[in-house]
N, C-alpha and C. Protein backbone atom coordinates (compact mmCIF):
# COMPACT_ATOMS: atom_id res chain seq x y z
N MET A 1 93.20 17.92 -63.17
CA MET A 1 93.06 16.91 -61.99
C MET A 1 94.13 15.80 -62.34
N LYS A 2 93.98 15.42 -60.35
CA LYS A 2 94.94 13.90 -60.77
C LYS A 2 94.24 12.86 -59.63
N ILE A 3 94.19 11.75 -60.27
CA ILE A 3 93.40 10.75 -59.59
C ILE A 3 94.44 9.67 -59.10
N LEU A 4 93.80 9.09 -57.50
CA LEU A 4 94.97 8.06 -57.11
C LEU A 4 93.72 6.93 -57.18
N LEU A 5 94.17 6.05 -58.34
CA LEU A 5 92.79 4.67 -58.64
C LEU A 5 93.63 3.50 -57.60
N VAL A 6 92.79 2.87 -56.75
CA VAL A 6 92.95 1.62 -55.75
C VAL A 6 92.23 1.18 -56.09
N GLU A 7 92.81 -0.40 -57.02
CA GLU A 7 91.90 -1.07 -57.86
C GLU A 7 92.64 -2.39 -58.14
N ASP A 8 92.39 -3.77 -57.50
CA ASP A 8 93.29 -4.80 -58.12
C ASP A 8 92.77 -5.55 -58.94
N GLU A 9 91.78 -5.45 -59.71
CA GLU A 9 91.20 -5.84 -60.93
C GLU A 9 91.93 -5.26 -62.01
N GLN A 10 93.11 -5.89 -62.55
CA GLN A 10 93.51 -5.36 -63.67
C GLN A 10 93.31 -4.59 -64.49
N LYS A 11 92.21 -5.51 -65.02
CA LYS A 11 91.67 -4.90 -66.66
C LYS A 11 90.73 -3.62 -66.43
N LEU A 12 89.72 -3.79 -65.36
CA LEU A 12 88.98 -2.95 -64.60
C LEU A 12 89.98 -1.41 -64.57
N ALA A 13 91.22 -1.62 -63.97
CA ALA A 13 92.06 -0.48 -63.58
C ALA A 13 92.35 0.17 -64.79
N GLU A 14 92.86 -0.77 -65.65
CA GLU A 14 93.48 -0.17 -66.96
C GLU A 14 92.37 0.66 -67.97
N ALA A 15 91.20 -0.16 -67.86
CA ALA A 15 90.20 0.45 -68.72
C ALA A 15 89.80 1.89 -68.07
N LEU A 16 89.71 1.68 -66.96
CA LEU A 16 89.19 3.16 -66.20
C LEU A 16 90.42 4.28 -66.20
N GLN A 17 91.54 3.92 -66.36
CA GLN A 17 92.57 4.46 -66.42
C GLN A 17 92.67 5.29 -67.83
N LYS A 18 92.67 4.06 -68.98
CA LYS A 18 92.26 5.19 -70.29
C LYS A 18 90.58 5.97 -70.41
N GLY A 19 90.11 5.78 -69.70
CA GLY A 19 88.73 6.52 -69.90
C GLY A 19 89.14 7.70 -69.27
N LEU A 20 89.85 7.94 -68.27
CA LEU A 20 89.71 9.22 -67.21
C LEU A 20 90.68 9.86 -68.02
N ALA A 21 91.44 9.04 -68.88
CA ALA A 21 92.80 9.81 -69.16
C ALA A 21 92.36 10.74 -70.38
N HIS A 22 91.25 9.96 -71.05
CA HIS A 22 90.83 10.58 -72.16
C HIS A 22 89.61 11.85 -71.89
N GLU A 23 89.58 11.81 -70.76
CA GLU A 23 88.68 13.15 -70.09
C GLU A 23 89.33 14.05 -69.32
N GLY A 24 90.86 13.94 -69.60
CA GLY A 24 92.01 14.99 -69.06
C GLY A 24 92.78 14.64 -67.91
N TYR A 25 92.39 13.36 -67.10
CA TYR A 25 92.77 13.20 -65.71
C TYR A 25 93.92 13.00 -65.66
N THR A 26 95.10 12.91 -64.81
CA THR A 26 96.14 11.99 -64.77
C THR A 26 96.06 11.00 -63.42
N VAL A 27 96.16 9.60 -63.94
CA VAL A 27 95.85 8.57 -62.90
C VAL A 27 97.10 7.86 -62.35
N ASP A 28 97.51 7.57 -61.24
CA ASP A 28 98.15 6.41 -60.58
C ASP A 28 97.32 5.58 -60.21
N ILE A 29 97.90 4.19 -60.60
CA ILE A 29 96.98 3.08 -60.23
C ILE A 29 98.06 2.19 -58.89
N ILE A 30 97.26 1.37 -58.22
CA ILE A 30 97.60 0.89 -56.89
C ILE A 30 96.50 -0.53 -56.73
N SER A 31 97.36 -1.78 -56.77
CA SER A 31 96.31 -2.73 -56.34
C SER A 31 96.42 -2.78 -54.92
N ASP A 32 97.11 -2.80 -54.10
CA ASP A 32 97.27 -3.21 -53.03
C ASP A 32 96.80 -2.38 -51.82
N GLY A 33 96.05 -2.65 -50.53
CA GLY A 33 95.92 -1.76 -49.52
C GLY A 33 96.56 -1.10 -48.87
N LYS A 34 97.95 -1.89 -48.40
CA LYS A 34 98.32 -1.18 -47.55
C LYS A 34 99.35 0.03 -48.39
N LYS A 35 99.78 -0.46 -49.48
CA LYS A 35 100.75 0.39 -50.44
C LYS A 35 100.05 1.69 -50.98
N ALA A 36 98.53 1.23 -51.05
CA ALA A 36 97.84 2.29 -51.02
C ALA A 36 97.79 4.20 -49.80
N LEU A 37 97.47 3.01 -48.93
CA LEU A 37 97.58 4.04 -47.75
C LEU A 37 98.77 4.64 -47.43
N SER A 38 100.06 4.19 -47.63
CA SER A 38 101.10 4.27 -47.49
C SER A 38 101.01 5.46 -48.60
N ARG A 39 100.83 5.55 -49.56
CA ARG A 39 101.02 6.42 -50.99
C ARG A 39 100.28 7.74 -50.47
N ILE A 40 99.17 7.65 -49.88
CA ILE A 40 98.21 8.67 -49.76
C ILE A 40 98.73 9.37 -48.47
N SER A 41 99.46 8.71 -47.44
CA SER A 41 99.89 9.37 -46.38
C SER A 41 100.93 10.18 -46.81
N LEU A 42 102.25 9.60 -47.80
CA LEU A 42 103.02 10.41 -48.04
C LEU A 42 102.89 11.51 -48.86
N HIS A 43 101.93 11.20 -50.08
CA HIS A 43 101.85 12.32 -50.75
C HIS A 43 100.25 12.43 -51.12
N ARG A 44 99.75 13.11 -49.94
CA ARG A 44 98.36 13.30 -49.77
C ARG A 44 97.96 14.99 -50.38
N SER A 45 99.03 15.56 -50.75
CA SER A 45 98.42 16.67 -51.61
C SER A 45 98.85 16.77 -52.75
N ASP A 46 99.40 15.46 -53.36
CA ASP A 46 99.29 15.20 -54.60
C ASP A 46 97.81 14.94 -55.70
N TYR A 47 97.19 14.39 -54.73
CA TYR A 47 95.87 14.00 -55.49
C TYR A 47 94.24 14.80 -54.95
N ASP A 48 93.53 15.20 -56.30
CA ASP A 48 92.62 15.99 -55.94
C ASP A 48 91.21 15.11 -55.65
N VAL A 49 91.11 13.62 -56.11
CA VAL A 49 90.44 12.59 -55.43
C VAL A 49 90.98 11.30 -55.45
N ILE A 50 90.31 10.54 -54.78
CA ILE A 50 90.75 8.68 -54.75
C ILE A 50 89.74 7.99 -54.95
N ILE A 51 89.84 7.09 -55.87
CA ILE A 51 88.85 6.21 -56.33
C ILE A 51 89.19 4.61 -55.57
N LEU A 52 88.95 4.29 -54.50
CA LEU A 52 89.21 3.02 -53.92
C LEU A 52 88.11 2.06 -53.86
N ASP A 53 88.79 0.83 -54.32
CA ASP A 53 87.93 -0.40 -54.48
C ASP A 53 87.60 -0.74 -53.04
N LEU A 54 86.38 -1.68 -52.54
CA LEU A 54 86.39 -1.88 -51.33
C LEU A 54 87.06 -3.36 -51.15
N MET A 55 87.41 -4.13 -51.80
CA MET A 55 87.71 -5.28 -51.66
C MET A 55 89.26 -5.55 -52.51
N LEU A 56 90.42 -5.26 -51.44
CA LEU A 56 91.64 -5.31 -51.62
C LEU A 56 92.35 -6.24 -51.07
N PRO A 57 93.57 -6.53 -51.58
CA PRO A 57 94.77 -7.18 -51.03
C PRO A 57 95.48 -6.59 -49.81
N SER A 58 95.58 -7.11 -48.62
CA SER A 58 96.31 -6.87 -47.36
C SER A 58 95.44 -5.60 -46.39
N MET A 59 94.55 -4.94 -47.09
CA MET A 59 93.96 -3.98 -46.49
C MET A 59 92.76 -3.54 -47.11
N ASP A 60 91.44 -3.31 -46.47
CA ASP A 60 90.13 -3.02 -47.52
C ASP A 60 90.00 -1.40 -47.16
N GLY A 61 89.02 -1.33 -48.36
CA GLY A 61 88.91 0.23 -48.75
C GLY A 61 88.04 0.87 -47.43
N LEU A 62 87.34 -0.02 -46.92
CA LEU A 62 86.70 0.52 -45.49
C LEU A 62 87.87 0.99 -44.40
N GLU A 63 88.73 0.08 -44.20
CA GLU A 63 89.99 0.61 -43.20
C GLU A 63 90.45 1.71 -43.72
N ILE A 64 91.09 1.22 -45.12
CA ILE A 64 91.86 2.70 -45.60
C ILE A 64 91.30 4.19 -45.35
N CYS A 65 89.96 4.23 -45.50
CA CYS A 65 89.04 5.33 -45.21
C CYS A 65 89.07 5.61 -43.68
N LYS A 66 88.52 4.45 -42.77
CA LYS A 66 89.01 5.08 -41.92
C LYS A 66 90.40 5.54 -41.45
N GLN A 67 91.58 4.96 -41.75
CA GLN A 67 92.78 5.44 -41.38
C GLN A 67 93.10 7.01 -42.31
N VAL A 68 92.58 7.06 -43.14
CA VAL A 68 92.74 8.31 -44.07
C VAL A 68 92.35 9.37 -43.08
N ARG A 69 91.39 9.33 -43.03
CA ARG A 69 90.21 10.18 -42.30
C ARG A 69 91.38 10.67 -40.71
N GLU A 70 91.31 9.61 -39.93
CA GLU A 70 92.07 9.74 -38.72
C GLU A 70 93.55 10.39 -38.80
N MET A 71 94.11 10.50 -40.21
CA MET A 71 95.35 11.23 -40.25
C MET A 71 94.69 12.77 -40.73
N ASN A 72 93.69 13.22 -40.46
CA ASN A 72 93.14 14.22 -41.41
C ASN A 72 93.31 14.76 -42.82
N ILE A 73 93.09 13.79 -43.49
CA ILE A 73 93.62 14.20 -44.95
C ILE A 73 92.14 14.09 -45.54
N THR A 74 91.75 14.95 -45.96
CA THR A 74 90.51 15.53 -46.49
C THR A 74 90.31 15.41 -47.87
N VAL A 75 91.28 14.61 -48.76
CA VAL A 75 90.82 14.56 -49.93
C VAL A 75 89.58 13.77 -50.26
N PRO A 76 88.85 13.89 -51.25
CA PRO A 76 87.45 13.27 -51.78
C PRO A 76 88.00 12.00 -51.60
N ILE A 77 86.98 10.43 -51.30
CA ILE A 77 87.21 9.34 -51.53
C ILE A 77 86.04 9.06 -51.98
N LEU A 78 85.86 8.39 -53.51
CA LEU A 78 84.77 7.45 -54.15
C LEU A 78 85.28 6.27 -54.12
N VAL A 79 84.00 5.53 -53.11
CA VAL A 79 84.19 3.93 -53.23
C VAL A 79 83.73 3.32 -54.00
N LEU A 80 84.40 2.18 -54.82
CA LEU A 80 83.77 1.21 -55.81
C LEU A 80 83.49 -0.26 -55.00
N THR A 81 82.20 -0.56 -54.89
CA THR A 81 81.93 -1.83 -53.95
C THR A 81 80.95 -2.52 -55.23
N ALA A 82 80.88 -4.08 -55.06
CA ALA A 82 80.07 -4.99 -55.52
C ALA A 82 78.89 -5.41 -54.43
N ARG A 83 79.00 -4.46 -53.27
CA ARG A 83 78.15 -4.84 -52.37
C ARG A 83 76.90 -3.83 -52.14
N ALA A 84 75.76 -4.12 -52.70
CA ALA A 84 74.92 -2.79 -52.36
C ALA A 84 73.88 -3.07 -51.56
N GLU A 85 74.43 -3.52 -50.22
CA GLU A 85 73.58 -3.65 -49.10
C GLU A 85 73.57 -2.32 -48.36
N THR A 86 72.48 -1.64 -47.65
CA THR A 86 72.51 -0.51 -47.01
C THR A 86 73.66 -0.37 -45.89
N ASP A 87 73.62 -1.29 -45.26
CA ASP A 87 74.69 -1.29 -43.80
C ASP A 87 75.71 -1.11 -44.90
N THR A 88 76.46 -1.83 -45.61
CA THR A 88 77.60 -1.50 -46.04
C THR A 88 77.71 0.07 -46.69
N LYS A 89 76.97 0.61 -47.54
CA LYS A 89 76.77 1.90 -47.66
C LYS A 89 76.94 3.05 -46.43
N VAL A 90 76.19 2.61 -45.63
CA VAL A 90 76.32 3.46 -44.42
C VAL A 90 77.58 3.36 -43.91
N GLN A 91 78.04 2.28 -43.36
CA GLN A 91 79.43 1.79 -43.04
C GLN A 91 80.98 2.86 -43.80
N LEU A 92 80.46 2.66 -45.11
CA LEU A 92 81.23 3.62 -45.70
C LEU A 92 81.02 5.02 -45.35
N LEU A 93 80.13 5.74 -45.92
CA LEU A 93 80.29 6.91 -45.61
C LEU A 93 80.70 7.39 -44.05
N LEU A 94 80.05 6.35 -42.98
CA LEU A 94 80.48 7.00 -41.62
C LEU A 94 82.24 6.62 -41.36
N ALA A 95 82.65 5.81 -42.35
CA ALA A 95 83.83 5.67 -42.11
C ALA A 95 84.93 6.81 -42.69
N GLY A 96 83.92 7.64 -43.49
CA GLY A 96 84.61 8.64 -44.48
C GLY A 96 84.57 9.12 -46.01
N ALA A 97 83.92 7.99 -46.52
CA ALA A 97 83.89 8.06 -48.00
C ALA A 97 82.98 9.39 -47.93
N ASP A 98 83.25 10.32 -49.08
CA ASP A 98 82.41 11.06 -49.55
C ASP A 98 81.16 10.55 -50.54
N ASP A 99 81.28 9.28 -51.40
CA ASP A 99 80.54 9.15 -52.20
C ASP A 99 80.91 7.42 -52.60
N TYR A 100 79.86 6.66 -52.91
CA TYR A 100 80.36 5.11 -53.66
C TYR A 100 79.82 4.92 -54.57
N LEU A 101 79.93 3.91 -55.60
CA LEU A 101 79.38 3.43 -56.74
C LEU A 101 79.47 1.83 -56.67
N VAL A 102 78.07 1.53 -56.80
CA VAL A 102 77.79 -0.02 -56.77
C VAL A 102 78.22 -0.80 -58.20
N LYS A 103 79.05 -1.71 -58.37
CA LYS A 103 79.67 -2.55 -59.36
C LYS A 103 78.74 -3.23 -59.62
N PRO A 104 78.06 -3.46 -61.09
CA PRO A 104 78.72 -2.89 -62.46
C PRO A 104 78.07 -1.41 -62.20
N PHE A 105 78.94 -0.36 -63.06
CA PHE A 105 78.37 0.49 -63.35
C PHE A 105 78.98 1.28 -64.40
N SER A 106 78.36 2.30 -64.99
CA SER A 106 78.93 2.89 -66.31
C SER A 106 80.32 3.88 -66.15
N PHE A 107 80.76 4.23 -67.08
CA PHE A 107 81.91 4.92 -67.12
C PHE A 107 81.35 6.48 -66.86
N ALA A 108 80.43 6.82 -67.58
CA ALA A 108 79.54 7.96 -67.82
C ALA A 108 78.98 8.65 -66.07
N GLU A 109 78.98 7.40 -65.35
CA GLU A 109 78.24 7.59 -64.24
C GLU A 109 79.32 7.79 -63.41
N LEU A 110 80.40 7.03 -63.36
CA LEU A 110 81.60 7.23 -62.74
C LEU A 110 82.05 8.83 -62.72
N ASN A 111 82.14 9.17 -64.00
CA ASN A 111 82.54 10.68 -64.48
C ASN A 111 81.67 11.26 -63.73
N ALA A 112 80.56 11.37 -63.95
CA ALA A 112 79.73 12.05 -63.49
C ALA A 112 79.71 12.52 -61.69
N ARG A 113 80.10 11.33 -61.26
CA ARG A 113 79.93 11.39 -59.76
C ARG A 113 81.37 12.33 -59.14
N LEU A 114 82.63 11.91 -60.22
CA LEU A 114 83.76 12.79 -60.35
C LEU A 114 83.71 13.87 -60.17
N GLN A 115 83.07 14.44 -61.37
CA GLN A 115 82.71 16.00 -61.18
C GLN A 115 82.13 16.75 -60.06
N ALA A 116 81.21 15.77 -59.46
CA ALA A 116 80.50 16.34 -58.08
C ALA A 116 81.15 16.61 -57.21
N LEU A 117 82.35 15.68 -57.11
CA LEU A 117 83.08 15.76 -55.81
C LEU A 117 83.96 16.75 -55.99
N LEU A 118 84.49 16.85 -57.13
CA LEU A 118 85.64 17.72 -57.37
C LEU A 118 84.65 19.41 -57.60
N ARG A 119 83.52 19.28 -57.35
CA ARG A 119 83.02 20.81 -57.42
C ARG A 119 82.87 21.05 -55.95
N ARG A 120 83.23 20.39 -55.17
CA ARG A 120 82.52 20.52 -53.86
C ARG A 120 84.07 20.21 -53.11
N PRO A 121 85.36 21.10 -53.03
CA PRO A 121 86.17 20.57 -52.23
C PRO A 121 86.45 21.16 -50.84
N ASN A 122 87.27 21.23 -50.12
CA ASN A 122 87.39 21.66 -49.15
C ASN A 122 87.15 23.20 -48.79
N GLU A 123 87.73 24.00 -49.72
CA GLU A 123 87.37 25.21 -49.44
C GLU A 123 86.61 25.55 -50.99
N SER A 124 85.47 26.09 -50.68
CA SER A 124 84.63 26.81 -52.01
C SER A 124 85.10 27.36 -52.98
N LEU A 125 85.22 26.98 -54.25
CA LEU A 125 85.75 27.42 -55.30
C LEU A 125 85.07 27.97 -56.37
N PRO A 126 85.09 28.87 -57.43
CA PRO A 126 83.91 29.18 -57.83
C PRO A 126 83.90 28.34 -59.47
N GLU A 127 82.72 28.58 -59.80
CA GLU A 127 82.50 27.68 -61.27
C GLU A 127 83.66 28.43 -62.14
N LYS A 128 83.54 29.57 -62.21
CA LYS A 128 84.65 29.96 -63.24
C LYS A 128 85.64 30.72 -62.12
N LEU A 129 87.29 30.35 -63.14
CA LEU A 129 88.16 31.06 -62.48
C LEU A 129 88.71 32.21 -63.22
N THR A 130 89.10 33.13 -62.69
CA THR A 130 89.34 34.49 -63.28
C THR A 130 90.94 35.19 -62.57
N VAL A 131 91.48 35.45 -63.56
CA VAL A 131 92.71 36.22 -63.16
C VAL A 131 92.87 37.11 -64.08
N GLY A 132 92.95 38.39 -63.98
CA GLY A 132 93.47 39.22 -64.67
C GLY A 132 92.25 39.22 -65.96
N ASP A 133 92.34 39.43 -67.23
CA ASP A 133 91.68 39.07 -67.83
C ASP A 133 91.33 37.99 -68.77
N ILE A 134 91.93 36.90 -68.03
CA ILE A 134 91.79 35.35 -68.31
C ILE A 134 90.53 34.72 -67.30
N GLU A 135 89.99 34.46 -68.32
CA GLU A 135 88.67 33.55 -67.61
C GLU A 135 88.69 32.10 -68.08
N LEU A 136 88.82 31.01 -67.08
CA LEU A 136 88.33 29.84 -67.36
C LEU A 136 87.65 28.68 -66.69
N ASN A 137 86.82 28.29 -67.40
CA ASN A 137 85.78 27.56 -66.95
C ASN A 137 86.25 26.10 -67.42
N PRO A 138 86.23 25.08 -66.06
CA PRO A 138 86.67 23.93 -65.76
C PRO A 138 85.89 22.80 -66.11
N ALA A 139 84.19 23.38 -65.88
CA ALA A 139 83.54 22.04 -66.33
C ALA A 139 83.15 22.17 -68.15
N GLU A 140 83.35 23.23 -68.62
CA GLU A 140 82.86 23.29 -69.87
C GLU A 140 84.65 23.29 -70.78
N ARG A 141 85.89 23.22 -70.15
CA ARG A 141 87.01 23.20 -70.77
C ARG A 141 87.46 24.44 -71.66
N LYS A 142 87.02 25.39 -71.26
CA LYS A 142 87.27 26.56 -72.07
C LYS A 142 87.82 27.78 -71.52
N VAL A 143 88.86 28.11 -72.39
CA VAL A 143 89.59 29.31 -71.93
C VAL A 143 89.36 30.74 -72.65
N MET A 144 89.12 32.13 -72.12
CA MET A 144 89.06 33.07 -72.73
C MET A 144 89.95 34.10 -72.15
N ARG A 145 90.00 34.76 -73.27
CA ARG A 145 90.76 36.28 -72.95
C ARG A 145 90.47 37.36 -73.82
N GLU A 146 89.80 38.46 -73.13
CA GLU A 146 89.39 39.42 -73.94
C GLU A 146 88.47 39.32 -74.90
N GLY A 147 87.69 38.17 -74.50
CA GLY A 147 86.41 37.75 -74.83
C GLY A 147 86.94 36.78 -76.16
N ARG A 148 88.05 36.45 -76.35
CA ARG A 148 88.63 35.37 -77.54
C ARG A 148 88.48 34.34 -76.58
N GLU A 149 88.25 32.70 -77.37
CA GLU A 149 88.80 31.91 -76.97
C GLU A 149 90.13 31.46 -77.33
N ILE A 150 90.96 30.51 -76.56
CA ILE A 150 92.21 30.25 -76.56
C ILE A 150 92.35 28.86 -76.39
N PRO A 151 92.37 27.89 -77.65
CA PRO A 151 92.21 26.48 -77.71
C PRO A 151 93.81 25.72 -76.99
N LEU A 152 93.35 24.96 -76.18
CA LEU A 152 94.42 24.44 -75.53
C LEU A 152 94.44 23.13 -75.35
N THR A 153 95.77 22.33 -75.37
CA THR A 153 95.72 21.27 -74.88
C THR A 153 95.03 20.58 -73.75
N LEU A 154 95.25 19.41 -73.38
CA LEU A 154 94.51 19.05 -72.19
C LEU A 154 95.74 19.00 -71.15
N LYS A 155 96.93 19.14 -71.24
CA LYS A 155 98.38 19.55 -70.31
C LYS A 155 98.50 20.83 -70.09
N GLU A 156 97.86 21.49 -71.36
CA GLU A 156 97.82 23.37 -71.33
C GLU A 156 96.94 23.63 -70.24
N PHE A 157 95.83 23.20 -70.61
CA PHE A 157 94.20 23.69 -69.85
C PHE A 157 94.85 23.02 -68.23
N GLY A 158 95.38 21.88 -68.34
CA GLY A 158 95.24 21.56 -66.69
C GLY A 158 96.62 22.62 -65.86
N LEU A 159 97.89 22.97 -66.89
CA LEU A 159 98.63 23.86 -65.88
C LEU A 159 98.01 25.19 -66.24
N LEU A 160 97.53 25.56 -66.70
CA LEU A 160 96.50 27.01 -66.86
C LEU A 160 95.79 26.80 -65.18
N GLU A 161 94.71 25.74 -65.02
CA GLU A 161 93.84 25.71 -64.29
C GLU A 161 94.69 25.74 -62.88
N TYR A 162 95.90 25.04 -62.83
CA TYR A 162 96.61 25.08 -61.51
C TYR A 162 97.52 26.46 -61.40
N PHE A 163 97.79 26.83 -62.09
CA PHE A 163 98.48 28.45 -62.11
C PHE A 163 97.12 29.43 -61.57
N MET A 164 96.20 29.39 -62.14
CA MET A 164 94.79 30.04 -61.68
C MET A 164 94.65 29.85 -60.61
N ARG A 165 94.78 28.46 -59.83
CA ARG A 165 94.18 28.53 -58.85
C ARG A 165 95.47 28.62 -57.56
N HIS A 166 96.54 29.39 -58.09
CA HIS A 166 97.80 29.50 -57.24
C HIS A 166 97.88 30.94 -57.75
N PRO A 167 97.05 32.29 -57.97
CA PRO A 167 97.75 33.48 -58.66
C PRO A 167 98.54 33.96 -57.65
N ASN A 168 99.73 34.21 -58.68
CA ASN A 168 100.63 35.55 -58.16
C ASN A 168 101.38 34.29 -56.82
N GLN A 169 101.50 33.34 -57.05
CA GLN A 169 102.52 32.58 -55.95
C GLN A 169 103.43 31.87 -57.02
N VAL A 170 104.54 31.58 -56.70
CA VAL A 170 105.41 31.01 -57.54
C VAL A 170 105.54 29.68 -57.16
N VAL A 171 104.94 28.94 -58.25
CA VAL A 171 104.87 27.56 -58.57
C VAL A 171 105.93 26.89 -58.91
N ASN A 172 106.97 26.11 -58.46
CA ASN A 172 107.88 24.99 -59.04
C ASN A 172 107.52 24.02 -59.92
N ARG A 173 108.36 23.53 -60.68
CA ARG A 173 108.69 22.47 -61.76
C ARG A 173 108.01 21.15 -60.97
N GLU A 174 108.40 20.86 -59.79
CA GLU A 174 108.59 19.84 -59.17
C GLU A 174 106.81 19.63 -58.62
N ASP A 175 106.45 20.52 -58.54
CA ASP A 175 104.66 20.73 -58.07
C ASP A 175 103.76 20.29 -59.49
N LEU A 176 104.15 21.12 -60.42
CA LEU A 176 103.86 20.86 -61.95
C LEU A 176 103.75 19.50 -62.16
N LEU A 177 105.24 18.92 -61.95
CA LEU A 177 105.34 17.41 -62.20
C LEU A 177 104.58 16.54 -61.65
N SER A 178 104.55 16.78 -60.20
CA SER A 178 103.56 15.79 -59.48
C SER A 178 102.15 15.88 -59.60
N HIS A 179 101.64 17.06 -59.92
CA HIS A 179 100.10 17.07 -59.80
C HIS A 179 99.69 16.94 -61.01
N LEU A 180 100.35 17.26 -62.46
CA LEU A 180 99.88 16.54 -63.56
C LEU A 180 100.72 15.99 -64.27
N TRP A 181 101.58 15.21 -64.04
CA TRP A 181 102.10 13.96 -64.26
C TRP A 181 101.58 12.77 -63.81
N ASP A 182 101.99 11.46 -64.17
CA ASP A 182 101.44 10.45 -63.03
C ASP A 182 102.73 10.33 -62.10
N PHE A 183 102.64 9.31 -61.29
CA PHE A 183 103.49 9.43 -60.01
C PHE A 183 104.96 8.51 -60.68
N ASN A 184 104.56 7.39 -61.59
CA ASN A 184 105.74 6.72 -62.49
C ASN A 184 106.22 7.48 -63.84
N TYR A 185 106.09 8.95 -63.73
CA TYR A 185 106.36 9.23 -65.10
C TYR A 185 107.95 9.43 -65.22
N VAL A 186 108.18 8.83 -66.55
CA VAL A 186 109.54 8.90 -66.99
C VAL A 186 109.89 9.68 -68.17
N GLY A 187 110.48 10.63 -68.43
CA GLY A 187 110.88 11.40 -69.77
C GLY A 187 111.91 12.51 -69.68
N PHE A 188 111.38 13.38 -70.80
CA PHE A 188 112.81 14.42 -70.45
C PHE A 188 112.25 15.30 -69.92
N SER A 189 113.30 15.64 -68.83
CA SER A 189 113.51 16.53 -68.09
C SER A 189 112.54 18.04 -68.18
N ASN A 190 112.89 18.50 -69.20
CA ASN A 190 112.64 19.38 -69.20
C ASN A 190 110.92 19.53 -70.03
N VAL A 191 109.87 18.60 -69.85
CA VAL A 191 108.78 18.74 -70.23
C VAL A 191 107.81 19.84 -69.77
N VAL A 192 108.05 19.90 -68.15
CA VAL A 192 107.40 21.21 -68.08
C VAL A 192 107.56 22.38 -68.68
N ASP A 193 108.73 22.79 -68.67
CA ASP A 193 109.35 24.11 -69.61
C ASP A 193 108.32 24.05 -71.22
N VAL A 194 108.67 22.84 -71.86
CA VAL A 194 108.09 23.11 -73.09
C VAL A 194 106.55 23.34 -73.30
N HIS A 195 105.98 22.57 -72.11
CA HIS A 195 104.37 22.91 -72.04
C HIS A 195 103.99 24.07 -71.69
N VAL A 196 105.08 24.92 -70.58
CA VAL A 196 104.76 26.15 -70.29
C VAL A 196 105.05 27.13 -71.49
N LYS A 197 105.80 26.99 -72.08
CA LYS A 197 106.34 27.63 -73.16
C LYS A 197 105.22 27.88 -74.03
N ASN A 198 104.48 26.77 -74.54
CA ASN A 198 103.73 26.55 -75.56
C ASN A 198 102.56 27.70 -75.16
N LEU A 199 102.31 27.04 -73.42
CA LEU A 199 101.20 27.64 -73.03
C LEU A 199 101.34 29.32 -72.90
N ARG A 200 102.40 29.97 -72.59
CA ARG A 200 102.40 31.36 -72.22
C ARG A 200 102.73 31.83 -73.87
N ARG A 201 103.07 31.10 -75.16
CA ARG A 201 102.89 31.61 -76.11
C ARG A 201 101.52 31.75 -76.77
N LYS A 202 100.63 30.76 -76.25
CA LYS A 202 99.00 31.01 -76.93
C LYS A 202 98.40 32.30 -75.75
N LEU A 203 98.56 32.17 -74.58
CA LEU A 203 98.33 33.39 -74.07
C LEU A 203 98.51 34.81 -74.22
N SER A 204 99.92 35.28 -74.87
CA SER A 204 100.38 36.18 -75.35
C SER A 204 99.66 36.36 -76.38
N ASN A 205 99.63 35.45 -77.11
CA ASN A 205 98.81 35.54 -78.65
C ASN A 205 97.67 36.79 -78.45
N ASP A 206 97.05 36.54 -77.25
CA ASP A 206 95.97 37.29 -76.99
C ASP A 206 95.90 38.58 -75.96
N GLY A 207 97.32 39.05 -75.79
CA GLY A 207 97.39 40.07 -74.93
C GLY A 207 98.65 39.87 -74.25
N GLY A 208 99.15 40.64 -73.42
CA GLY A 208 100.60 40.62 -72.61
C GLY A 208 100.97 39.31 -72.05
N ASN A 209 101.94 39.25 -71.81
CA ASN A 209 102.68 37.90 -71.25
C ASN A 209 102.52 38.09 -69.33
N VAL A 210 101.58 37.15 -68.89
CA VAL A 210 101.27 37.30 -67.46
C VAL A 210 102.03 36.17 -66.78
N LEU A 211 102.57 35.18 -67.67
CA LEU A 211 103.11 33.73 -67.19
C LEU A 211 104.58 34.22 -67.07
N GLU A 212 105.12 34.51 -65.62
CA GLU A 212 106.40 34.83 -65.88
C GLU A 212 107.12 33.79 -65.31
N THR A 213 108.71 33.99 -65.54
CA THR A 213 109.66 32.80 -65.33
C THR A 213 110.20 33.41 -64.06
N VAL A 214 110.14 32.53 -63.09
CA VAL A 214 111.00 32.90 -61.79
C VAL A 214 112.33 32.25 -61.98
N ARG A 215 113.29 32.58 -61.96
CA ARG A 215 114.64 31.97 -62.47
C ARG A 215 114.88 31.15 -61.14
N GLY A 216 115.37 29.81 -61.59
CA GLY A 216 115.86 28.97 -60.89
C GLY A 216 115.18 28.43 -59.63
N VAL A 217 113.70 29.06 -59.74
CA VAL A 217 112.50 28.68 -58.90
C VAL A 217 111.32 27.94 -59.54
N GLY A 218 110.75 28.71 -60.46
CA GLY A 218 109.42 28.33 -61.41
C GLY A 218 108.70 29.11 -62.04
N TYR A 219 107.63 29.28 -62.08
CA TYR A 219 106.42 30.25 -62.86
C TYR A 219 105.53 31.02 -61.88
N ARG A 220 105.04 31.82 -62.15
CA ARG A 220 104.04 32.71 -61.46
C ARG A 220 103.31 33.23 -62.71
N LEU A 221 101.92 33.06 -62.10
CA LEU A 221 100.62 33.63 -62.81
C LEU A 221 100.26 35.09 -62.36
N ALA A 222 100.85 36.37 -62.97
CA ALA A 222 100.80 37.21 -62.22
C ALA A 222 99.08 37.92 -62.52
N GLU A 223 98.44 38.52 -61.63
CA GLU A 223 97.43 39.12 -62.10
C GLU A 223 97.42 40.52 -62.91
């Protein structure tokens, strides 16, 4: 899952990014309100959830929520606020926020709220994903094939989940790179191919090859 974290307190942003990365999320950080709105507008399909601070330079979180929803962008938004007044909470929810968290908060609560948001996307998704004889449980981070568990790294698990949410569709490398690596990723160009190769090897050890290469385009997980 990929998160956009909009937070201008650098230490808090870095701490959250570290904790979320440990939980398997990919996190982009932006500290300015207007820049955040621009990123959301241009890359709306890249993020699974937005964590949005209420008080930001150039544009506050409330206004960002309003404008994002006016653009018919439906990605879930979790607002972080130091203001616990009922009026503030009501304003946020009316502006389009899906949830809010009052500072200071525990990381465990943040993670629980993220899990709750990700369990209720726009289109209802099953708790377990099944493609052919492969079963993936996002909550438990467990993959089974023919009754046997397949141990995967966080990136391999993320790749497989993405493929299983798009069965029989050709997924190109750019989509995988933008969804599973952060926005400013710089690294060797075949990083996706290396991870897909490892994922295919682990899946093939427990059955036939279901992860196909579509030459010049990308990959397809066949049912």
